[in-house]
Amino acid sequence: MTGLEVRVSTLGYIQRGGRPTARTRILASRFGHSAMDLFHKGKTNVLVGITDGSVSTMPIQQAIKHEKKFNDQTFKVLRTLSV
């Protein structure tokens, strides 16, 4: 649709050379705690994430099927700023 090649990459703090903030450390701890709670309950194939500021879970199959809409307005803004 855009004529541009799109690649997804998620870089960790080590790769970027920065240190995690207190907020991201707390968030990671919350995710880890929730994941371990699910593990101890015997629940598998579940994704841990955040929704409206609260830790939430979703079956992996549901996450895979979720289609994220392309935001034309955001694309235009980013394209303008990157030139």
N, C-alpha and C. Protein backbone atom coordinates (compact mmCIF):
# COMPACT_ATOMS: atom_id res chain seq x y z
N MET A 1 0.82 -1.19 0.00
CA MET A 1 0.00 0.00 0.00
C MET A 1 0.87 1.26 0.00
N THR A 2 2.02 1.20 0.69
CA THR A 2 2.86 2.39 0.79
C THR A 2 3.96 2.42 -0.25
N GLY A 3 4.26 1.26 -0.83
CA GLY A 3 5.37 1.19 -1.77
C GLY A 3 6.72 1.06 -1.07
N LEU A 4 6.69 1.00 0.25
CA LEU A 4 7.92 0.87 1.03
C LEU A 4 8.01 -0.51 1.64
N GLU A 5 9.23 -1.02 1.77
CA GLU A 5 9.42 -2.30 2.45
C GLU A 5 9.34 -2.06 3.95
N VAL A 6 8.58 -2.89 4.63
CA VAL A 6 8.40 -2.73 6.07
C VAL A 6 9.05 -3.91 6.78
N ARG A 7 9.85 -3.61 7.79
CA ARG A 7 10.47 -4.65 8.60
C ARG A 7 10.20 -4.35 10.05
N VAL A 8 9.90 -5.39 10.80
CA VAL A 8 9.64 -5.23 12.22
C VAL A 8 10.87 -5.66 12.99
N SER A 9 11.29 -4.83 13.91
CA SER A 9 12.40 -5.21 14.79
C SER A 9 12.14 -4.63 16.17
N THR A 10 12.33 -5.46 17.17
CA THR A 10 12.17 -5.02 18.54
C THR A 10 13.53 -5.12 19.21
N LEU A 11 14.07 -3.98 19.57
CA LEU A 11 15.39 -3.95 20.17
C LEU A 11 15.28 -3.81 21.69
N GLY A 12 16.07 -4.59 22.37
CA GLY A 12 16.12 -4.51 23.82
C GLY A 12 17.02 -3.38 24.26
N TYR A 13 17.02 -3.11 25.54
CA TYR A 13 17.83 -2.03 26.07
C TYR A 13 19.33 -2.26 25.85
N ILE A 14 19.76 -3.49 25.93
CA ILE A 14 21.17 -3.78 25.72
C ILE A 14 21.57 -3.46 24.29
N GLN A 15 20.73 -3.84 23.33
CA GLN A 15 21.04 -3.57 21.93
C GLN A 15 21.05 -2.08 21.63
N ARG A 16 20.20 -1.34 22.28
CA ARG A 16 20.15 0.10 22.05
C ARG A 16 21.18 0.85 22.87
N GLY A 17 21.75 0.19 23.87
CA GLY A 17 22.77 0.83 24.68
C GLY A 17 22.22 1.68 25.80
N GLY A 18 20.94 1.63 26.05
CA GLY A 18 20.35 2.44 27.11
C GLY A 18 20.00 1.59 28.32
N ARG A 19 19.64 2.25 29.39
CA ARG A 19 19.22 1.56 30.60
C ARG A 19 17.71 1.61 30.71
N PRO A 20 17.11 0.54 31.21
CA PRO A 20 15.66 0.58 31.40
C PRO A 20 15.29 1.58 32.49
N THR A 21 14.15 2.19 32.31
CA THR A 21 13.66 3.13 33.32
C THR A 21 12.98 2.36 34.44
N ALA A 22 12.71 3.05 35.54
CA ALA A 22 12.00 2.41 36.65
C ALA A 22 10.64 1.91 36.18
N ARG A 23 9.99 2.67 35.33
CA ARG A 23 8.67 2.28 34.81
C ARG A 23 8.74 0.96 34.05
N THR A 24 9.74 0.82 33.17
CA THR A 24 9.83 -0.41 32.40
C THR A 24 10.29 -1.59 33.25
N ARG A 25 11.09 -1.34 34.26
CA ARG A 25 11.48 -2.43 35.17
C ARG A 25 10.27 -2.94 35.95
N ILE A 26 9.45 -2.02 36.41
CA ILE A 26 8.25 -2.41 37.15
C ILE A 26 7.29 -3.16 36.23
N LEU A 27 7.13 -2.67 35.01
CA LEU A 27 6.25 -3.33 34.04
C LEU A 27 6.75 -4.75 33.75
N ALA A 28 8.04 -4.91 33.55
CA ALA A 28 8.60 -6.24 33.30
C ALA A 28 8.36 -7.16 34.50
N SER A 29 8.48 -6.62 35.69
CA SER A 29 8.23 -7.42 36.90
C SER A 29 6.76 -7.85 36.97
N ARG A 30 5.87 -6.94 36.62
CA ARG A 30 4.44 -7.27 36.62
C ARG A 30 4.14 -8.36 35.60
N PHE A 31 4.74 -8.25 34.40
CA PHE A 31 4.55 -9.27 33.37
C PHE A 31 5.09 -10.61 33.85
N GLY A 32 6.28 -10.61 34.42
CA GLY A 32 6.88 -11.84 34.90
C GLY A 32 6.07 -12.49 35.99
N HIS A 33 5.56 -11.69 36.92
CA HIS A 33 4.74 -12.20 38.02
C HIS A 33 3.47 -12.85 37.46
N SER A 34 2.83 -12.17 36.52
CA SER A 34 1.60 -12.70 35.92
C SER A 34 1.89 -13.99 35.15
N ALA A 35 3.00 -14.01 34.42
CA ALA A 35 3.36 -15.21 33.65
C ALA A 35 3.62 -16.39 34.58
N MET A 36 4.31 -16.16 35.68
CA MET A 36 4.59 -17.24 36.62
C MET A 36 3.30 -17.71 37.32
N ASP A 37 2.40 -16.78 37.60
CA ASP A 37 1.12 -17.14 38.20
C ASP A 37 0.35 -18.06 37.25
N LEU A 38 0.33 -17.72 35.98
CA LEU A 38 -0.33 -18.58 34.98
C LEU A 38 0.34 -19.95 34.90
N PHE A 39 1.67 -19.95 34.93
CA PHE A 39 2.43 -21.20 34.88
C PHE A 39 2.06 -22.11 36.05
N HIS A 40 2.01 -21.54 37.26
CA HIS A 40 1.68 -22.33 38.44
C HIS A 40 0.24 -22.83 38.43
N LYS A 41 -0.62 -22.13 37.71
CA LYS A 41 -2.02 -22.57 37.57
C LYS A 41 -2.17 -23.58 36.44
N GLY A 42 -1.07 -23.88 35.74
CA GLY A 42 -1.11 -24.85 34.65
C GLY A 42 -1.63 -24.30 33.34
N LYS A 43 -1.75 -23.00 33.24
CA LYS A 43 -2.26 -22.39 32.00
C LYS A 43 -1.11 -22.21 31.02
N THR A 44 -1.33 -22.65 29.79
CA THR A 44 -0.31 -22.54 28.76
C THR A 44 -0.88 -21.84 27.53
N ASN A 45 0.00 -21.50 26.62
CA ASN A 45 -0.38 -20.84 25.36
C ASN A 45 -1.15 -19.55 25.60
N VAL A 46 -0.67 -18.78 26.58
CA VAL A 46 -1.31 -17.52 26.94
C VAL A 46 -0.28 -16.40 26.84
N LEU A 47 -0.69 -15.29 26.28
CA LEU A 47 0.14 -14.11 26.14
C LEU A 47 -0.15 -13.15 27.29
N VAL A 48 0.90 -12.58 27.87
CA VAL A 48 0.74 -11.58 28.92
C VAL A 48 1.05 -10.22 28.31
N GLY A 49 0.17 -9.26 28.54
CA GLY A 49 0.36 -7.92 27.99
C GLY A 49 -0.24 -6.89 28.90
N ILE A 50 -0.43 -5.70 28.39
CA ILE A 50 -1.02 -4.62 29.18
C ILE A 50 -2.16 -3.99 28.39
N THR A 51 -3.27 -3.79 29.06
CA THR A 51 -4.44 -3.17 28.46
C THR A 51 -4.96 -2.11 29.42
N ASP A 52 -5.03 -0.89 28.95
CA ASP A 52 -5.52 0.23 29.78
C ASP A 52 -4.80 0.30 31.12
N GLY A 53 -3.49 0.05 31.12
CA GLY A 53 -2.69 0.18 32.33
C GLY A 53 -2.69 -1.03 33.24
N SER A 54 -3.47 -2.05 32.92
CA SER A 54 -3.54 -3.25 33.75
C SER A 54 -2.98 -4.44 32.99
N VAL A 55 -2.30 -5.33 33.72
CA VAL A 55 -1.78 -6.54 33.10
C VAL A 55 -2.97 -7.40 32.69
N SER A 56 -2.92 -7.90 31.47
CA SER A 56 -4.01 -8.73 30.94
C SER A 56 -3.42 -9.94 30.24
N THR A 57 -4.27 -10.91 29.98
CA THR A 57 -3.84 -12.11 29.28
C THR A 57 -4.74 -12.36 28.08
N MET A 58 -4.19 -13.11 27.13
CA MET A 58 -4.94 -13.43 25.92
C MET A 58 -4.38 -14.75 25.37
N PRO A 59 -5.24 -15.64 24.92
CA PRO A 59 -4.74 -16.85 24.29
C PRO A 59 -3.86 -16.49 23.08
N ILE A 60 -2.76 -17.18 22.92
CA ILE A 60 -1.84 -16.88 21.83
C ILE A 60 -2.55 -16.94 20.48
N GLN A 61 -3.41 -17.93 20.28
CA GLN A 61 -4.13 -18.05 19.00
C GLN A 61 -4.97 -16.82 18.70
N GLN A 62 -5.56 -16.25 19.74
CA GLN A 62 -6.37 -15.03 19.56
C GLN A 62 -5.46 -13.86 19.18
N ALA A 63 -4.29 -13.78 19.80
CA ALA A 63 -3.35 -12.70 19.49
C ALA A 63 -2.85 -12.80 18.06
N ILE A 64 -2.61 -14.02 17.60
CA ILE A 64 -2.13 -14.24 16.23
C ILE A 64 -3.19 -13.82 15.22
N LYS A 65 -4.45 -14.08 15.51
CA LYS A 65 -5.53 -13.76 14.58
C LYS A 65 -5.91 -12.28 14.60
N HIS A 66 -5.52 -11.56 15.66
CA HIS A 66 -5.87 -10.14 15.79
C HIS A 66 -5.21 -9.34 14.68
N GLU A 67 -6.01 -8.65 13.90
CA GLU A 67 -5.49 -7.86 12.79
C GLU A 67 -5.40 -6.40 13.21
N LYS A 68 -4.21 -5.87 13.15
CA LYS A 68 -4.00 -4.47 13.52
C LYS A 68 -4.19 -3.61 12.28
N LYS A 69 -4.99 -2.58 12.39
CA LYS A 69 -5.31 -1.70 11.27
C LYS A 69 -4.14 -0.74 11.00
N PHE A 70 -3.90 -0.46 9.74
CA PHE A 70 -2.88 0.49 9.33
C PHE A 70 -3.43 1.90 9.51
N ASN A 71 -2.68 2.76 10.19
CA ASN A 71 -3.12 4.12 10.45
C ASN A 71 -2.48 5.06 9.43
N ASP A 72 -3.26 5.47 8.44
CA ASP A 72 -2.75 6.35 7.38
C ASP A 72 -2.26 7.68 7.92
N GLN A 73 -2.98 8.25 8.88
CA GLN A 73 -2.62 9.57 9.40
C GLN A 73 -1.26 9.51 10.11
N THR A 74 -1.05 8.50 10.92
CA THR A 74 0.23 8.35 11.61
C THR A 74 1.35 8.14 10.59
N PHE A 75 1.08 7.36 9.56
CA PHE A 75 2.08 7.13 8.52
C PHE A 75 2.48 8.45 7.86
N LYS A 76 1.50 9.29 7.54
CA LYS A 76 1.79 10.57 6.90
C LYS A 76 2.64 11.46 7.80
N VAL A 77 2.32 11.49 9.08
CA VAL A 77 3.10 12.31 10.02
C VAL A 77 4.54 11.80 10.11
N LEU A 78 4.70 10.49 10.27
CA LEU A 78 6.04 9.91 10.37
C LEU A 78 6.82 10.10 9.08
N ARG A 79 6.16 9.97 7.97
CA ARG A 79 6.83 10.17 6.67
C ARG A 79 7.32 11.60 6.55
N THR A 80 6.51 12.55 6.98
CA THR A 80 6.90 13.97 6.92
C THR A 80 8.08 14.23 7.85
N LEU A 81 8.05 13.67 9.04
CA LEU A 81 9.13 13.91 10.00
C LEU A 81 10.44 13.23 9.63
N SER A 82 10.37 12.17 8.84
CA SER A 82 11.59 11.43 8.52
C SER A 82 12.31 11.96 7.28
N VAL A 83 11.73 12.90 6.60
CA VAL A 83 12.35 13.43 5.38
C VAL A 83 13.34 14.52 5.71
